[in-house]
Amino acid sequence: CSQPGLRCLVRNSYCVDESWLLSWKWTPSAPSSVDVFIDTFFAEDGKLVPVLKIEWKVATDASIIYLRGAELAVLQLSNNQQICAQFDFQNNLTFQVRPDNGGRESRRKVLVL
């Protein structure tokens, strides 16, 4: 979670969260764009490992107030295994647009190993 000012917890998941069983009055809009890049990253042991660098933009409508987290699912085609990560936001996004760039959308950057 690289958004400035956003505190979040990242955890592996089973791609189905118990919160999906709850009824919510409001739900955030879908991302306005998603970009995926192949990259490399140095692991804790110093080895270079391949990663997916995934960036997405959150729509700047009023639904951003209700954004409490995100789930990312990646399907590994070679063995049909789904890998998921959940991002639980510990605080609210206070701006619809980042005050440092004045753009129309907020951007999230995530590295998934």
PDB file of N, CA and C in Angstrom:
ATOM      1  N   CYS A   1       0.861  -1.178   0.000  1.00  0.00           N
ATOM      2  CA  CYS A   1       0.000   0.000   0.000  1.00  0.00           C
ATOM      3  C   CYS A   1       0.896   1.226   0.000  1.00  0.00           C
ATOM      4  N   SER A   2       1.022   1.834  -1.133  1.00  0.00           N
ATOM      5  CA  SER A   2       1.968   2.941  -1.255  1.00  0.00           C
ATOM      6  C   SER A   2       1.306   4.316  -1.333  1.00  0.00           C
ATOM      7  N   GLN A   3       0.007   4.382  -1.173  1.00  0.00           N
ATOM      8  CA  GLN A   3      -0.677   5.680  -1.190  1.00  0.00           C
ATOM      9  C   GLN A   3      -0.240   6.498   0.019  1.00  0.00           C
ATOM     10  N   PRO A   4       0.283   7.722  -0.179  1.00  0.00           N
ATOM     11  CA  PRO A   4       0.706   8.539   0.963  1.00  0.00           C
ATOM     12  C   PRO A   4      -0.450   8.783   1.937  1.00  0.00           C
ATOM     13  N   GLY A   5      -0.175   8.584   3.221  1.00  0.00           N
ATOM     14  CA  GLY A   5      -1.174   8.820   4.256  1.00  0.00           C
ATOM     15  C   GLY A   5      -2.124   7.671   4.506  1.00  0.00           C
ATOM     16  N   LEU A   6      -2.076   6.642   3.679  1.00  0.00           N
ATOM     17  CA  LEU A   6      -2.980   5.504   3.847  1.00  0.00           C
ATOM     18  C   LEU A   6      -2.277   4.409   4.634  1.00  0.00           C
ATOM     19  N   ARG A   7      -2.853   4.027   5.746  1.00  0.00           N
ATOM     20  CA  ARG A   7      -2.330   2.900   6.521  1.00  0.00           C
ATOM     21  C   ARG A   7      -3.151   1.676   6.152  1.00  0.00           C
ATOM     22  N   CYS A   8      -2.471   0.584   5.819  1.00  0.00           N
ATOM     23  CA  CYS A   8      -3.224  -0.614   5.479  1.00  0.00           C
ATOM     24  C   CYS A   8      -2.448  -1.865   5.853  1.00  0.00           C
ATOM     25  N   LEU A   9      -3.195  -2.927   6.026  1.00  0.00           N
ATOM     26  CA  LEU A   9      -2.631  -4.242   6.296  1.00  0.00           C
ATOM     27  C   LEU A   9      -2.804  -5.090   5.051  1.00  0.00           C
ATOM     28  N   VAL A  10      -1.779  -5.861   4.715  1.00  0.00           N
ATOM     29  CA  VAL A  10      -1.835  -6.743   3.557  1.00  0.00           C
ATOM     30  C   VAL A  10      -1.781  -8.172   4.059  1.00  0.00           C
ATOM     31  N   ARG A  11      -2.669  -9.015   3.540  1.00  0.00           N
ATOM     32  CA  ARG A  11      -2.648 -10.422   3.950  1.00  0.00           C
ATOM     33  C   ARG A  11      -3.069 -11.298   2.780  1.00  0.00           C
ATOM     34  N   ASN A  12      -2.562 -12.527   2.795  1.00  0.00           N
ATOM     35  CA  ASN A  12      -2.995 -13.504   1.809  1.00  0.00           C
ATOM     36  C   ASN A  12      -4.404 -13.937   2.165  1.00  0.00           C
ATOM     37  N   SER A  13      -5.189 -14.285   1.154  1.00  0.00           N
ATOM     38  CA  SER A  13      -6.559 -14.701   1.423  1.00  0.00           C
ATOM     39  C   SER A  13      -6.899 -15.914   0.568  1.00  0.00           C
ATOM     40  N   TYR A  14      -8.086 -16.436   0.817  1.00  0.00           N
ATOM     41  CA  TYR A  14      -8.576 -17.587   0.058  1.00  0.00           C
ATOM     42  C   TYR A  14      -9.501 -17.151  -1.071  1.00  0.00           C
ATOM     43  N   CYS A  15      -9.447 -15.881  -1.403  1.00  0.00           N
ATOM     44  CA  CYS A  15     -10.216 -15.302  -2.505  1.00  0.00           C
ATOM     45  C   CYS A  15     -11.714 -15.236  -2.227  1.00  0.00           C
ATOM     46  N   VAL A  16     -12.124 -15.570  -1.033  1.00  0.00           N
ATOM     47  CA  VAL A  16     -13.508 -15.405  -0.606  1.00  0.00           C
ATOM     48  C   VAL A  16     -13.448 -14.886   0.820  1.00  0.00           C
ATOM     49  N   ASP A  17     -13.985 -13.704   1.032  1.00  0.00           N
ATOM     50  CA  ASP A  17     -13.944 -13.106   2.356  1.00  0.00           C
ATOM     51  C   ASP A  17     -15.319 -13.186   2.997  1.00  0.00           C
ATOM     52  N   GLU A  18     -15.351 -13.368   4.311  1.00  0.00           N
ATOM     53  CA  GLU A  18     -16.635 -13.471   5.006  1.00  0.00           C
ATOM     54  C   GLU A  18     -17.440 -12.180   4.904  1.00  0.00           C
ATOM     55  N   SER A  19     -16.786 -11.057   4.655  1.00  0.00           N
ATOM     56  CA  SER A  19     -17.521  -9.798   4.504  1.00  0.00           C
ATOM     57  C   SER A  19     -18.423  -9.814   3.269  1.00  0.00           C
ATOM     58  N   TRP A  20     -18.139 -10.710   2.312  1.00  0.00           N
ATOM     59  CA  TRP A  20     -18.987 -10.814   1.131  1.00  0.00           C
ATOM     60  C   TRP A  20     -20.389 -11.298   1.497  1.00  0.00           C
ATOM     61  N   LEU A  21     -20.527 -11.944   2.652  1.00  0.00           N
ATOM     62  CA  LEU A  21     -21.820 -12.466   3.081  1.00  0.00           C
ATOM     63  C   LEU A  21     -22.686 -11.394   3.737  1.00  0.00           C
ATOM     64  N   LEU A  22     -22.105 -10.235   4.022  1.00  0.00           N
ATOM     65  CA  LEU A  22     -22.834  -9.143   4.661  1.00  0.00           C
ATOM     66  C   LEU A  22     -23.489  -8.251   3.613  1.00  0.00           C
ATOM     67  N   SER A  23     -24.578  -7.648   4.002  1.00  0.00           N
ATOM     68  CA  SER A  23     -25.257  -6.700   3.133  1.00  0.00           C
ATOM     69  C   SER A  23     -24.767  -5.295   3.470  1.00  0.00           C
ATOM     70  N   TRP A  24     -24.324  -4.560   2.456  1.00  0.00           N
ATOM     71  CA  TRP A  24     -23.816  -3.210   2.657  1.00  0.00           C
ATOM     72  C   TRP A  24     -24.747  -2.222   1.974  1.00  0.00           C
ATOM     73  N   LYS A  25     -24.964  -1.077   2.634  1.00  0.00           N
ATOM     74  CA  LYS A  25     -25.824  -0.049   2.054  1.00  0.00           C
ATOM     75  C   LYS A  25     -25.148   0.623   0.861  1.00  0.00           C
ATOM     76  N   TRP A  26     -23.838   0.838   0.952  1.00  0.00           N
ATOM     77  CA  TRP A  26     -23.088   1.512  -0.099  1.00  0.00           C
ATOM     78  C   TRP A  26     -21.873   0.679  -0.472  1.00  0.00           C
ATOM     79  N   THR A  27     -21.517   0.702  -1.731  1.00  0.00           N
ATOM     80  CA  THR A  27     -20.302   0.022  -2.174  1.00  0.00           C
ATOM     81  C   THR A  27     -19.521   0.958  -3.093  1.00  0.00           C
ATOM     82  N   PRO A  28     -18.197   0.896  -3.053  1.00  0.00           N
ATOM     83  CA  PRO A  28     -17.376   1.752  -3.923  1.00  0.00           C
ATOM     84  C   PRO A  28     -17.508   1.366  -5.393  1.00  0.00           C
ATOM     85  N   SER A  29     -17.231   2.312  -6.244  1.00  0.00           N
ATOM     86  CA  SER A  29     -17.212   2.054  -7.683  1.00  0.00           C
ATOM     87  C   SER A  29     -16.013   1.181  -8.035  1.00  0.00           C
ATOM     88  N   ALA A  30     -16.079   0.587  -9.205  1.00  0.00           N
ATOM     89  CA  ALA A  30     -14.964  -0.229  -9.697  1.00  0.00           C
ATOM     90  C   ALA A  30     -13.783   0.679 -10.043  1.00  0.00           C
ATOM     91  N   PRO A  31     -12.568   0.118 -10.099  1.00  0.00           N
ATOM     92  CA  PRO A  31     -11.410   0.927 -10.524  1.00  0.00           C
ATOM     93  C   PRO A  31     -11.640   1.499 -11.921  1.00  0.00           C
ATOM     94  N   SER A  32     -11.098   2.683 -12.153  1.00  0.00           N
ATOM     95  CA  SER A  32     -11.265   3.302 -13.467  1.00  0.00           C
ATOM     96  C   SER A  32     -10.230   2.801 -14.467  1.00  0.00           C
ATOM     97  N   SER A  33      -9.101   2.277 -13.980  1.00  0.00           N
ATOM     98  CA  SER A  33      -8.103   1.673 -14.864  1.00  0.00           C
ATOM     99  C   SER A  33      -7.198   0.760 -14.051  1.00  0.00           C
ATOM    100  N   VAL A  34      -6.646  -0.234 -14.724  1.00  0.00           N
ATOM    101  CA  VAL A  34      -5.714  -1.180 -14.097  1.00  0.00           C
ATOM    102  C   VAL A  34      -4.554  -1.393 -15.065  1.00  0.00           C
ATOM    103  N   ASP A  35      -3.324  -1.278 -14.561  1.00  0.00           N
ATOM    104  CA  ASP A  35      -2.127  -1.532 -15.366  1.00  0.00           C
ATOM    105  C   ASP A  35      -1.294  -2.597 -14.677  1.00  0.00           C
ATOM    106  N   VAL A  36      -0.787  -3.564 -15.461  1.00  0.00           N
ATOM    107  CA  VAL A  36       0.024  -4.659 -14.921  1.00  0.00           C
ATOM    108  C   VAL A  36       1.346  -4.701 -15.676  1.00  0.00           C
ATOM    109  N   PHE A  37       2.445  -4.778 -14.914  1.00  0.00           N
ATOM    110  CA  PHE A  37       3.788  -4.827 -15.490  1.00  0.00           C
ATOM    111  C   PHE A  37       4.551  -5.994 -14.875  1.00  0.00           C
ATOM    112  N   ILE A  38       5.410  -6.623 -15.651  1.00  0.00           N
ATOM    113  CA  ILE A  38       6.326  -7.639 -15.127  1.00  0.00           C
ATOM    114  C   ILE A  38       7.582  -6.913 -14.672  1.00  0.00           C
ATOM    115  N   ASP A  39       8.061  -7.250 -13.483  1.00  0.00           N
ATOM    116  CA  ASP A  39       9.199  -6.553 -12.901  1.00  0.00           C
ATOM    117  C   ASP A  39      10.012  -7.557 -12.093  1.00  0.00           C
ATOM    118  N   THR A  40      11.085  -7.101 -11.477  1.00  0.00           N
ATOM    119  CA  THR A  40      11.871  -7.928 -10.557  1.00  0.00           C
ATOM    120  C   THR A  40      12.009  -7.184  -9.239  1.00  0.00           C
ATOM    121  N   PHE A  41      12.296  -7.944  -8.190  1.00  0.00           N
ATOM    122  CA  PHE A  41      12.345  -7.396  -6.839  1.00  0.00           C
ATOM    123  C   PHE A  41      13.354  -8.211  -6.049  1.00  0.00           C
ATOM    124  N   PHE A  42      14.141  -7.556  -5.207  1.00  0.00           N
ATOM    125  CA  PHE A  42      15.076  -8.278  -4.352  1.00  0.00           C
ATOM    126  C   PHE A  42      14.348  -8.747  -3.098  1.00  0.00           C
ATOM    127  N   ALA A  43      14.313 -10.058  -2.897  1.00  0.00           N
ATOM    128  CA  ALA A  43      13.682 -10.635  -1.716  1.00  0.00           C
ATOM    129  C   ALA A  43      14.567 -10.397  -0.493  1.00  0.00           C
ATOM    130  N   GLU A  44      14.043 -10.728   0.690  1.00  0.00           N
ATOM    131  CA  GLU A  44      14.787 -10.518   1.933  1.00  0.00           C
ATOM    132  C   GLU A  44      16.118 -11.265   1.954  1.00  0.00           C
ATOM    133  N   ASP A  45      16.171 -12.405   1.262  1.00  0.00           N
ATOM    134  CA  ASP A  45      17.411 -13.179   1.236  1.00  0.00           C
ATOM    135  C   ASP A  45      18.389 -12.683   0.169  1.00  0.00           C
ATOM    136  N   GLY A  46      18.035 -11.590  -0.525  1.00  0.00           N
ATOM    137  CA  GLY A  46      18.922 -11.002  -1.517  1.00  0.00           C
ATOM    138  C   GLY A  46      18.750 -11.545  -2.920  1.00  0.00           C
ATOM    139  N   LYS A  47      17.902 -12.557  -3.097  1.00  0.00           N
ATOM    140  CA  LYS A  47      17.682 -13.130  -4.426  1.00  0.00           C
ATOM    141  C   LYS A  47      16.718 -12.261  -5.226  1.00  0.00           C
ATOM    142  N   LEU A  48      16.985 -12.193  -6.519  1.00  0.00           N
ATOM    143  CA  LEU A  48      16.132 -11.452  -7.430  1.00  0.00           C
ATOM    144  C   LEU A  48      14.962 -12.347  -7.837  1.00  0.00           C
ATOM    145  N   VAL A  49      13.739 -11.884  -7.624  1.00  0.00           N
ATOM    146  CA  VAL A  49      12.560 -12.695  -7.935  1.00  0.00           C
ATOM    147  C   VAL A  49      11.633 -11.913  -8.869  1.00  0.00           C
ATOM    148  N   PRO A  50      10.893 -12.640  -9.722  1.00  0.00           N
ATOM    149  CA  PRO A  50       9.936 -11.958 -10.598  1.00  0.00           C
ATOM    150  C   PRO A  50       8.691 -11.546  -9.808  1.00  0.00           C
ATOM    151  N   VAL A  51       8.129 -10.409 -10.169  1.00  0.00           N
ATOM    152  CA  VAL A  51       6.909  -9.919  -9.521  1.00  0.00           C
ATOM    153  C   VAL A  51       5.990  -9.307 -10.575  1.00  0.00           C
ATOM    154  N   LEU A  52       4.746  -9.174 -10.214  1.00  0.00           N
ATOM    155  CA  LEU A  52       3.809  -8.386 -10.993  1.00  0.00           C
ATOM    156  C   LEU A  52       3.655  -7.049 -10.289  1.00  0.00           C
ATOM    157  N   LYS A  53       3.844  -5.984 -11.011  1.00  0.00           N
ATOM    158  CA  LYS A  53       3.601  -4.651 -10.459  1.00  0.00           C
ATOM    159  C   LYS A  53       2.229  -4.233 -10.974  1.00  0.00           C
ATOM    160  N   ILE A  54       1.313  -4.054 -10.052  1.00  0.00           N
ATOM    161  CA  ILE A  54      -0.070  -3.773 -10.417  1.00  0.00           C
ATOM    162  C   ILE A  54      -0.453  -2.405  -9.871  1.00  0.00           C
ATOM    163  N   GLU A  55      -0.919  -1.549 -10.743  1.00  0.00           N
ATOM    164  CA  GLU A  55      -1.357  -0.209 -10.358  1.00  0.00           C
ATOM    165  C   GLU A  55      -2.807  -0.052 -10.788  1.00  0.00           C
ATOM    166  N   TRP A  56      -3.607   0.544  -9.911  1.00  0.00           N
ATOM    167  CA  TRP A  56      -4.973   0.840 -10.311  1.00  0.00           C
ATOM    168  C   TRP A  56      -5.387   2.198  -9.796  1.00  0.00           C
ATOM    169  N   LYS A  57      -6.350   2.783 -10.494  1.00  0.00           N
ATOM    170  CA  LYS A  57      -6.876   4.094 -10.116  1.00  0.00           C
ATOM    171  C   LYS A  57      -8.281   3.899  -9.567  1.00  0.00           C
ATOM    172  N   VAL A  58      -8.531   4.544  -8.452  1.00  0.00           N
ATOM    173  CA  VAL A  58      -9.841   4.498  -7.827  1.00  0.00           C
ATOM    174  C   VAL A  58     -10.659   5.657  -8.380  1.00  0.00           C
ATOM    175  N   ALA A  59     -11.898   5.378  -8.754  1.00  0.00           N
ATOM    176  CA  ALA A  59     -12.765   6.434  -9.277  1.00  0.00           C
ATOM    177  C   ALA A  59     -12.943   7.531  -8.231  1.00  0.00           C
ATOM    178  N   THR A  60     -12.936   8.766  -8.667  1.00  0.00           N
ATOM    179  CA  THR A  60     -13.055   9.896  -7.736  1.00  0.00           C
ATOM    180  C   THR A  60     -14.503  10.358  -7.635  1.00  0.00           C
ATOM    181  N   ASP A  61     -15.346   9.434  -7.247  1.00  0.00           N
ATOM    182  CA  ASP A  61     -16.722   9.815  -6.961  1.00  0.00           C
ATOM    183  C   ASP A  61     -16.932   9.697  -5.451  1.00  0.00           C
ATOM    184  N   ALA A  62     -18.108   9.962  -4.998  1.00  0.00           N
ATOM    185  CA  ALA A  62     -18.369   9.962  -3.552  1.00  0.00           C
ATOM    186  C   ALA A  62     -18.191   8.582  -2.927  1.00  0.00           C
ATOM    187  N   SER A  63     -18.172   7.525  -3.728  1.00  0.00           N
ATOM    188  CA  SER A  63     -18.038   6.173  -3.169  1.00  0.00           C
ATOM    189  C   SER A  63     -16.686   5.951  -2.500  1.00  0.00           C
ATOM    190  N   ILE A  64     -15.704   6.790  -2.793  1.00  0.00           N
ATOM    191  CA  ILE A  64     -14.377   6.628  -2.193  1.00  0.00           C
ATOM    192  C   ILE A  64     -14.443   6.750  -0.670  1.00  0.00           C
ATOM    193  N   ILE A  65     -15.456   7.448  -0.171  1.00  0.00           N
ATOM    194  CA  ILE A  65     -15.642   7.596   1.274  1.00  0.00           C
ATOM    195  C   ILE A  65     -15.872   6.238   1.929  1.00  0.00           C
ATOM    196  N   TYR A  66     -16.470   5.306   1.202  1.00  0.00           N
ATOM    197  CA  TYR A  66     -16.824   3.999   1.750  1.00  0.00           C
ATOM    198  C   TYR A  66     -15.785   2.928   1.454  1.00  0.00           C
ATOM    199  N   LEU A  67     -14.690   3.300   0.822  1.00  0.00           N
ATOM    200  CA  LEU A  67     -13.662   2.331   0.460  1.00  0.00           C
ATOM    201  C   LEU A  67     -12.911   1.890   1.711  1.00  0.00           C
ATOM    202  N   ARG A  68     -13.026   0.613   2.084  1.00  0.00           N
ATOM    203  CA  ARG A  68     -12.412   0.077   3.297  1.00  0.00           C
ATOM    204  C   ARG A  68     -11.270  -0.889   2.997  1.00  0.00           C
ATOM    205  N   GLY A  69     -11.090  -1.192   1.718  1.00  0.00           N
ATOM    206  CA  GLY A  69     -10.031  -2.114   1.353  1.00  0.00           C
ATOM    207  C   GLY A  69     -10.180  -2.549  -0.090  1.00  0.00           C
ATOM    208  N   ALA A  70      -9.348  -3.485  -0.474  1.00  0.00           N
ATOM    209  CA  ALA A  70      -9.385  -4.024  -1.830  1.00  0.00           C
ATOM    210  C   ALA A  70      -8.903  -5.462  -1.789  1.00  0.00           C
ATOM    211  N   GLU A  71      -9.325  -6.233  -2.766  1.00  0.00           N
ATOM    212  CA  GLU A  71      -8.827  -7.596  -2.899  1.00  0.00           C
ATOM    213  C   GLU A  71      -8.304  -7.754  -4.316  1.00  0.00           C
ATOM    214  N   LEU A  72      -7.158  -8.367  -4.423  1.00  0.00           N
ATOM    215  CA  LEU A  72      -6.517  -8.588  -5.705  1.00  0.00           C
ATOM    216  C   LEU A  72      -6.401 -10.088  -5.927  1.00  0.00           C
ATOM    217  N   ALA A  73      -6.921 -10.567  -7.053  1.00  0.00           N
ATOM    218  CA  ALA A  73      -6.847 -11.988  -7.390  1.00  0.00           C
ATOM    219  C   ALA A  73      -6.063 -12.143  -8.691  1.00  0.00           C
ATOM    220  N   VAL A  74      -5.086 -13.047  -8.679  1.00  0.00           N
ATOM    221  CA  VAL A  74      -4.273 -13.337  -9.858  1.00  0.00           C
ATOM    222  C   VAL A  74      -4.398 -14.822 -10.151  1.00  0.00           C
ATOM    223  N   LEU A  75      -4.758 -15.169 -11.380  1.00  0.00           N
ATOM    224  CA  LEU A  75      -4.891 -16.566 -11.780  1.00  0.00           C
ATOM    225  C   LEU A  75      -3.609 -17.010 -12.464  1.00  0.00           C
ATOM    226  N   GLN A  76      -2.991 -18.052 -11.917  1.00  0.00           N
ATOM    227  CA  GLN A  76      -1.780 -18.629 -12.495  1.00  0.00           C
ATOM    228  C   GLN A  76      -2.225 -19.676 -13.513  1.00  0.00           C
ATOM    229  N   LEU A  77      -2.066 -19.372 -14.795  1.00  0.00           N
ATOM    230  CA  LEU A  77      -2.608 -20.222 -15.847  1.00  0.00           C
ATOM    231  C   LEU A  77      -1.953 -21.593 -15.920  1.00  0.00           C
ATOM    232  N   SER A  78      -0.679 -21.706 -15.562  1.00  0.00           N
ATOM    233  CA  SER A  78       0.022 -22.983 -15.699  1.00  0.00           C
ATOM    234  C   SER A  78      -0.593 -24.086 -14.842  1.00  0.00           C
ATOM    235  N   ASN A  79      -1.159 -23.730 -13.690  1.00  0.00           N
ATOM    236  CA  ASN A  79      -1.757 -24.757 -12.821  1.00  0.00           C
ATOM    237  C   ASN A  79      -3.166 -24.382 -12.350  1.00  0.00           C
ATOM    238  N   ASN A  80      -3.729 -23.321 -12.913  1.00  0.00           N
ATOM    239  CA  ASN A  80      -5.081 -22.866 -12.581  1.00  0.00           C
ATOM    240  C   ASN A  80      -5.238 -22.494 -11.107  1.00  0.00           C
ATOM    241  N   GLN A  81      -4.152 -22.077 -10.470  1.00  0.00           N
ATOM    242  CA  GLN A  81      -4.190 -21.687  -9.060  1.00  0.00           C
ATOM    243  C   GLN A  81      -4.471 -20.193  -8.962  1.00  0.00           C
ATOM    244  N   GLN A  82      -5.389 -19.848  -8.065  1.00  0.00           N
ATOM    245  CA  GLN A  82      -5.700 -18.440  -7.843  1.00  0.00           C
ATOM    246  C   GLN A  82      -4.982 -17.959  -6.590  1.00  0.00           C
ATOM    247  N   ILE A  83      -4.246 -16.862  -6.720  1.00  0.00           N
ATOM    248  CA  ILE A  83      -3.504 -16.266  -5.612  1.00  0.00           C
ATOM    249  C   ILE A  83      -4.182 -14.939  -5.293  1.00  0.00           C
ATOM    250  N   CYS A  84      -4.497 -14.720  -4.016  1.00  0.00           N
ATOM    251  CA  CYS A  84      -5.219 -13.507  -3.633  1.00  0.00           C
ATOM    252  C   CYS A  84      -4.502 -12.767  -2.516  1.00  0.00           C
ATOM    253  N   ALA A  85      -4.654 -11.467  -2.532  1.00  0.00           N
ATOM    254  CA  ALA A  85      -4.151 -10.613  -1.451  1.00  0.00           C
ATOM    255  C   ALA A  85      -5.258  -9.639  -1.089  1.00  0.00           C
ATOM    256  N   GLN A  86      -5.416  -9.420   0.213  1.00  0.00           N
ATOM    257  CA  GLN A  86      -6.399  -8.450   0.690  1.00  0.00           C
ATOM    258  C   GLN A  86      -5.669  -7.264   1.295  1.00  0.00           C
ATOM    259  N   PHE A  87      -6.184  -6.091   1.033  1.00  0.00           N
ATOM    260  CA  PHE A  87      -5.634  -4.846   1.551  1.00  0.00           C
ATOM    261  C   PHE A  87      -6.713  -4.209   2.420  1.00  0.00           C
ATOM    262  N   ASP A  88      -6.511  -4.230   3.726  1.00  0.00           N
ATOM    263  CA  ASP A  88      -7.470  -3.656   4.668  1.00  0.00           C
ATOM    264  C   ASP A  88      -6.999  -2.261   5.046  1.00  0.00           C
ATOM    265  N   PHE A  89      -7.767  -1.258   4.650  1.00  0.00           N
ATOM    266  CA  PHE A  89      -7.406   0.125   4.934  1.00  0.00           C
ATOM    267  C   PHE A  89      -7.756   0.442   6.379  1.00  0.00           C
ATOM    268  N   GLN A  90      -6.776   0.914   7.133  1.00  0.00           N
ATOM    269  CA  GLN A  90      -6.949   1.190   8.556  1.00  0.00           C
ATOM    270  C   GLN A  90      -7.447   2.608   8.822  1.00  0.00           C
ATOM    271  N   ASN A  91      -7.438   3.446   7.816  1.00  0.00           N
ATOM    272  CA  ASN A  91      -7.979   4.794   7.945  1.00  0.00           C
ATOM    273  C   ASN A  91      -8.702   5.139   6.645  1.00  0.00           C
ATOM    274  N   ASN A  92      -9.495   6.172   6.690  1.00  0.00           N
ATOM    275  CA  ASN A  92     -10.260   6.583   5.518  1.00  0.00           C
ATOM    276  C   ASN A  92      -9.409   7.438   4.594  1.00  0.00           C
ATOM    277  N   LEU A  93      -9.735   7.388   3.326  1.00  0.00           N
ATOM    278  CA  LEU A  93      -9.135   8.307   2.367  1.00  0.00           C
ATOM    279  C   LEU A  93      -9.811   9.658   2.579  1.00  0.00           C
ATOM    280  N   THR A  94      -9.042  10.664   2.897  1.00  0.00           N
ATOM    281  CA  THR A  94      -9.624  11.958   3.251  1.00  0.00           C
ATOM    282  C   THR A  94      -9.849  12.861   2.045  1.00  0.00           C
ATOM    283  N   PHE A  95      -9.242  12.538   0.917  1.00  0.00           N
ATOM    284  CA  PHE A  95      -9.391  13.352  -0.284  1.00  0.00           C
ATOM    285  C   PHE A  95      -9.842  12.474  -1.440  1.00  0.00           C
ATOM    286  N   GLN A  96     -10.658  13.042  -2.325  1.00  0.00           N
ATOM    287  CA  GLN A  96     -11.000  12.320  -3.544  1.00  0.00           C
ATOM    288  C   GLN A  96      -9.867  12.405  -4.553  1.00  0.00           C
ATOM    289  N   VAL A  97      -9.079  13.444  -4.456  1.00  0.00           N
ATOM    290  CA  VAL A  97      -7.898  13.590  -5.305  1.00  0.00           C
ATOM    291  C   VAL A  97      -6.696  13.826  -4.416  1.00  0.00           C
ATOM    292  N   ARG A  98      -5.563  13.324  -4.827  1.00  0.00           N
ATOM    293  CA  ARG A  98      -4.348  13.513  -4.036  1.00  0.00           C
ATOM    294  C   ARG A  98      -3.971  14.980  -4.013  1.00  0.00           C
ATOM    295  N   PRO A  99      -3.757  15.535  -2.834  1.00  0.00           N
ATOM    296  CA  PRO A  99      -3.403  16.947  -2.760  1.00  0.00           C
ATOM    297  C   PRO A  99      -2.031  17.262  -3.354  1.00  0.00           C
ATOM    298  N   ASP A 100      -1.167  16.259  -3.491  1.00  0.00           N
ATOM    299  CA  ASP A 100       0.179  16.519  -4.005  1.00  0.00           C
ATOM    300  C   ASP A 100       0.261  16.582  -5.522  1.00  0.00           C
ATOM    301  N   ASN A 101      -0.739  16.012  -6.233  1.00  0.00           N
ATOM    302  CA  ASN A 101      -0.645  16.070  -7.693  1.00  0.00           C
ATOM    303  C   ASN A 101      -1.867  16.691  -8.350  1.00  0.00           C
ATOM    304  N   GLY A 102      -2.935  16.860  -7.607  1.00  0.00           N
ATOM    305  CA  GLY A 102      -4.116  17.514  -8.151  1.00  0.00           C
ATOM    306  C   GLY A 102      -4.762  16.783  -9.304  1.00  0.00           C
ATOM    307  N   GLY A 103      -4.426  15.510  -9.518  1.00  0.00           N
ATOM    308  CA  GLY A 103      -5.010  14.742 -10.611  1.00  0.00           C
ATOM    309  C   GLY A 103      -6.474  14.432 -10.377  1.00  0.00           C
ATOM    310  N   ARG A 104      -7.091  13.797 -11.320  1.00  0.00           N
ATOM    311  CA  ARG A 104      -8.505  13.474 -11.219  1.00  0.00           C
ATOM    312  C   ARG A 104      -8.740  12.171 -10.474  1.00  0.00           C
ATOM    313  N   GLU A 105      -7.674  11.397 -10.214  1.00  0.00           N
ATOM    314  CA  GLU A 105      -7.862  10.099  -9.588  1.00  0.00           C
ATOM    315  C   GLU A 105      -6.738   9.798  -8.623  1.00  0.00           C
ATOM    316  N   SER A 106      -7.030   8.979  -7.617  1.00  0.00           N
ATOM    317  CA  SER A 106      -6.004   8.495  -6.692  1.00  0.00           C
ATOM    318  C   SER A 106      -5.394   7.236  -7.282  1.00  0.00           C
ATOM    319  N   ARG A 107      -4.116   6.988  -7.021  1.00  0.00           N
ATOM    320  CA  ARG A 107      -3.431   5.828  -7.590  1.00  0.00           C
ATOM    321  C   ARG A 107      -2.909   4.940  -6.477  1.00  0.00           C
ATOM    322  N   ARG A 108      -3.072   3.632  -6.650  1.00  0.00           N
ATOM    323  CA  ARG A 108      -2.542   2.632  -5.735  1.00  0.00           C
ATOM    324  C   ARG A 108      -1.450   1.862  -6.468  1.00  0.00           C
ATOM    325  N   LYS A 109      -0.393   1.506  -5.766  1.00  0.00           N
ATOM    326  CA  LYS A 109       0.662   0.681  -6.346  1.00  0.00           C
ATOM    327  C   LYS A 109       0.871  -0.512  -5.436  1.00  0.00           C
ATOM    328  N   VAL A 110       0.966  -1.681  -6.032  1.00  0.00           N
ATOM    329  CA  VAL A 110       1.071  -2.902  -5.249  1.00  0.00           C
ATOM    330  C   VAL A 110       2.077  -3.827  -5.907  1.00  0.00           C
ATOM    331  N   LEU A 111       2.930  -4.437  -5.118  1.00  0.00           N
ATOM    332  CA  LEU A 111       3.799  -5.499  -5.609  1.00  0.00           C
ATOM    333  C   LEU A 111       3.282  -6.808  -5.062  1.00  0.00           C
ATOM    334  N   VAL A 112       3.042  -7.762  -5.921  1.00  0.00           N
ATOM    335  CA  VAL A 112       2.573  -9.074  -5.503  1.00  0.00           C
ATOM    336  C   VAL A 112       3.650 -10.077  -5.842  1.00  0.00           C
ATOM    337  N   LEU A 113       4.172 -10.772  -4.838  1.00  0.00           N
ATOM    338  CA  LEU A 113       5.210 -11.778  -5.074  1.00  0.00           C
ATOM    339  C   LEU A 113       4.593 -13.105  -5.412  1.00  0.00           C
TER     340      LEU A 113
END
